[in-house]
């Protein structure tokens, strides 16, 4: 009977360690996903700024009679 209690305790301890390991890995993945999400947002903002600049600069130059 004492052996069975020891086995149950060991299994319970391993189960808790595994849960903690999985939780830590999930937290790490969530942090990395958040970092990638921020990188994508910054990249999209840079693309939009580049496109707007490429479209507006010729009009601004034409407005100031610099571009013929």
N, C-alpha and C. Protein backbone atom coordinates (compact mmCIF):
# COMPACT_ATOMS: atom_id res chain seq x y z
N UNK A 1 0.82 -1.19 0.00
CA UNK A 1 0.00 0.00 0.00
C UNK A 1 0.87 1.27 0.00
N UNK A 2 1.96 1.22 0.78
CA UNK A 2 2.86 2.36 0.84
C UNK A 2 3.53 2.61 -0.51
N UNK A 3 3.82 1.54 -1.23
CA UNK A 3 4.41 1.64 -2.56
C UNK A 3 3.46 2.37 -3.51
N UNK A 4 2.18 2.03 -3.43
CA UNK A 4 1.17 2.66 -4.30
C UNK A 4 1.06 4.15 -4.00
N UNK A 5 1.12 4.52 -2.72
CA UNK A 5 1.06 5.94 -2.36
C UNK A 5 2.27 6.69 -2.91
N UNK A 6 3.43 6.03 -2.85
CA UNK A 6 4.64 6.65 -3.40
C UNK A 6 4.53 6.82 -4.91
N UNK A 7 3.97 5.83 -5.59
CA UNK A 7 3.79 5.91 -7.04
C UNK A 7 2.81 7.03 -7.38
N UNK A 8 1.72 7.11 -6.62
CA UNK A 8 0.73 8.18 -6.86
C UNK A 8 1.35 9.56 -6.65
N UNK A 9 2.16 9.67 -5.60
CA UNK A 9 2.81 10.95 -5.32
C UNK A 9 3.78 11.30 -6.45
N UNK A 10 4.52 10.31 -6.92
CA UNK A 10 5.47 10.54 -8.02
C UNK A 10 4.76 10.95 -9.29
N UNK A 11 3.66 10.28 -9.59
CA UNK A 11 2.89 10.61 -10.79
C UNK A 11 2.31 12.02 -10.67
N UNK A 12 1.80 12.34 -9.48
CA UNK A 12 1.23 13.67 -9.25
C UNK A 12 2.31 14.74 -9.42
N UNK A 13 3.50 14.49 -8.89
CA UNK A 13 4.60 15.45 -9.02
C UNK A 13 5.00 15.63 -10.48
N UNK A 14 5.12 14.52 -11.22
CA UNK A 14 5.47 14.60 -12.64
C UNK A 14 4.39 15.34 -13.43
N UNK A 15 3.15 15.10 -13.07
CA UNK A 15 2.04 15.78 -13.75
C UNK A 15 2.13 17.29 -13.53
N UNK A 16 2.40 17.70 -12.30
CA UNK A 16 2.54 19.14 -12.01
C UNK A 16 3.73 19.74 -12.72
N UNK A 17 4.85 19.04 -12.76
CA UNK A 17 6.03 19.54 -13.47
C UNK A 17 5.75 19.68 -14.96
N UNK A 18 5.04 18.71 -15.53
CA UNK A 18 4.71 18.77 -16.95
C UNK A 18 3.78 19.94 -17.24
N UNK A 19 2.79 20.14 -16.38
CA UNK A 19 1.87 21.28 -16.56
C UNK A 19 2.63 22.60 -16.49
N UNK A 20 3.55 22.72 -15.55
CA UNK A 20 4.35 23.95 -15.44
C UNK A 20 5.21 24.15 -16.68
N UNK A 21 5.79 23.08 -17.19
CA UNK A 21 6.61 23.15 -18.40
C UNK A 21 5.78 23.61 -19.59
N UNK A 22 4.61 23.01 -19.76
CA UNK A 22 3.73 23.38 -20.88
C UNK A 22 3.27 24.83 -20.74
N UNK A 23 2.90 25.25 -19.53
CA UNK A 23 2.48 26.63 -19.32
C UNK A 23 3.59 27.62 -19.66
N UNK A 24 4.82 27.28 -19.28
CA UNK A 24 5.95 28.16 -19.59
C UNK A 24 6.17 28.25 -21.09
N UNK A 25 6.09 27.13 -21.78
CA UNK A 25 6.27 27.13 -23.23
C UNK A 25 5.16 27.93 -23.92
N UNK A 26 3.93 27.80 -23.44
CA UNK A 26 2.82 28.55 -24.03
C UNK A 26 3.03 30.05 -23.81
N UNK A 27 3.49 30.43 -22.62
CA UNK A 27 3.77 31.85 -22.36
C UNK A 27 4.86 32.36 -23.28
N UNK A 28 5.90 31.56 -23.49
CA UNK A 28 6.98 31.97 -24.41
C UNK A 28 6.45 32.14 -25.83
N UNK A 29 5.60 31.21 -26.26
CA UNK A 29 5.02 31.32 -27.61
C UNK A 29 4.15 32.56 -27.73
N UNK A 30 3.35 32.84 -26.71
CA UNK A 30 2.50 34.03 -26.74
C UNK A 30 3.34 35.30 -26.83
N UNK A 31 4.46 35.33 -26.11
CA UNK A 31 5.33 36.50 -26.17
C UNK A 31 5.93 36.65 -27.56
N UNK A 32 6.36 35.55 -28.15
CA UNK A 32 6.94 35.61 -29.51
C UNK A 32 5.89 36.00 -30.54
N UNK A 33 4.68 35.50 -30.38
CA UNK A 33 3.60 35.89 -31.30
C UNK A 33 3.32 37.38 -31.17
N UNK A 34 3.33 37.89 -29.95
CA UNK A 34 3.14 39.32 -29.75
C UNK A 34 4.24 40.14 -30.41
N UNK A 35 5.48 39.66 -30.28
CA UNK A 35 6.60 40.36 -30.93
C UNK A 35 6.45 40.36 -32.45
N UNK A 36 6.05 39.21 -33.00
CA UNK A 36 5.85 39.14 -34.46
C UNK A 36 4.69 40.04 -34.90
N UNK A 37 3.65 40.09 -34.08
CA UNK A 37 2.51 40.94 -34.39
C UNK A 37 2.96 42.41 -34.45
N UNK A 38 3.77 42.83 -33.49
CA UNK A 38 4.28 44.20 -33.50
C UNK A 38 5.17 44.46 -34.70
N UNK A 39 5.98 43.49 -35.08
CA UNK A 39 6.84 43.63 -36.24
C UNK A 39 6.03 43.79 -37.52
N UNK A 40 4.96 43.02 -37.65
CA UNK A 40 4.10 43.12 -38.82
C UNK A 40 3.41 44.48 -38.87
N UNK A 41 2.96 44.97 -37.72
CA UNK A 41 2.31 46.28 -37.69
C UNK A 41 3.28 47.39 -38.12
N UNK A 42 4.48 47.35 -37.58
CA UNK A 42 5.48 48.36 -37.94
C UNK A 42 5.81 48.27 -39.42
N UNK A 43 5.93 47.06 -39.95
CA UNK A 43 6.22 46.88 -41.37
C UNK A 43 5.10 47.44 -42.24
N UNK A 44 3.86 47.19 -41.84
CA UNK A 44 2.72 47.72 -42.61
C UNK A 44 2.69 49.23 -42.57
N UNK A 45 2.99 49.81 -41.43
CA UNK A 45 3.03 51.27 -41.33
C UNK A 45 4.12 51.82 -42.25
N UNK A 46 5.28 51.18 -42.27
CA UNK A 46 6.37 51.63 -43.14
C UNK A 46 5.98 51.52 -44.61
N UNK A 47 5.29 50.46 -44.97
CA UNK A 47 4.85 50.29 -46.37
C UNK A 47 3.85 51.38 -46.74
N UNK A 48 2.90 51.65 -45.87
CA UNK A 48 1.90 52.69 -46.15
C UNK A 48 2.56 54.06 -46.27
N UNK A 49 3.48 54.37 -45.38
CA UNK A 49 4.18 55.66 -45.45
C UNK A 49 4.97 55.77 -46.75
N UNK A 50 5.62 54.70 -47.15
CA UNK A 50 6.37 54.71 -48.40
C UNK A 50 5.45 54.94 -49.59
N UNK A 51 4.32 54.25 -49.61
CA UNK A 51 3.39 54.43 -50.73
C UNK A 51 2.81 55.84 -50.76
N UNK A 52 2.43 56.36 -49.61
CA UNK A 52 1.87 57.71 -49.56
C UNK A 52 2.92 58.73 -50.00
N UNK A 53 4.13 58.55 -49.55
CA UNK A 53 5.20 59.46 -49.95
C UNK A 53 5.45 59.39 -51.46
N UNK A 54 5.46 58.19 -51.99
CA UNK A 54 5.70 58.03 -53.44
C UNK A 54 4.59 58.65 -54.25
N UNK A 55 3.39 58.68 -53.73
CA UNK A 55 2.27 59.26 -54.47
C UNK A 55 2.23 60.78 -54.29
N UNK A 56 2.49 61.26 -53.07
CA UNK A 56 2.33 62.68 -52.79
C UNK A 56 3.51 63.55 -53.24
N UNK A 57 4.71 63.03 -53.24
CA UNK A 57 5.88 63.85 -53.59
C UNK A 57 5.76 64.46 -54.99
N UNK A 58 5.38 63.72 -56.02
CA UNK A 58 5.24 64.37 -57.33
C UNK A 58 4.20 65.49 -57.33
N UNK A 59 3.10 65.32 -56.60
CA UNK A 59 2.10 66.38 -56.54
C UNK A 59 2.63 67.61 -55.80
N UNK A 60 3.37 67.40 -54.75
CA UNK A 60 3.94 68.52 -53.98
C UNK A 60 4.98 69.25 -54.84
N UNK A 61 5.81 68.51 -55.55
CA UNK A 61 6.82 69.14 -56.41
C UNK A 61 6.15 69.92 -57.54
N UNK A 62 5.09 69.33 -58.09
CA UNK A 62 4.37 70.03 -59.16
C UNK A 62 3.69 71.30 -58.62
N UNK A 63 3.19 71.23 -57.41
CA UNK A 63 2.52 72.37 -56.79
C UNK A 63 3.49 73.54 -56.61
N UNK A 64 4.73 73.24 -56.26
CA UNK A 64 5.72 74.28 -56.07
C UNK A 64 6.51 74.59 -57.35
N UNK A 65 6.04 74.06 -58.46
CA UNK A 65 6.65 74.27 -59.79
C UNK A 65 8.11 73.84 -59.84
N UNK A 66 8.44 72.84 -59.11
CA UNK A 66 9.80 72.29 -59.17
C UNK A 66 9.86 71.20 -60.22
N UNK A 67 8.79 70.44 -60.32
CA UNK A 67 8.72 69.37 -61.32
C UNK A 67 7.94 69.91 -62.51
N UNK A 68 8.50 69.77 -63.68
CA UNK A 68 7.85 70.30 -64.88
C UNK A 68 6.93 69.25 -65.47
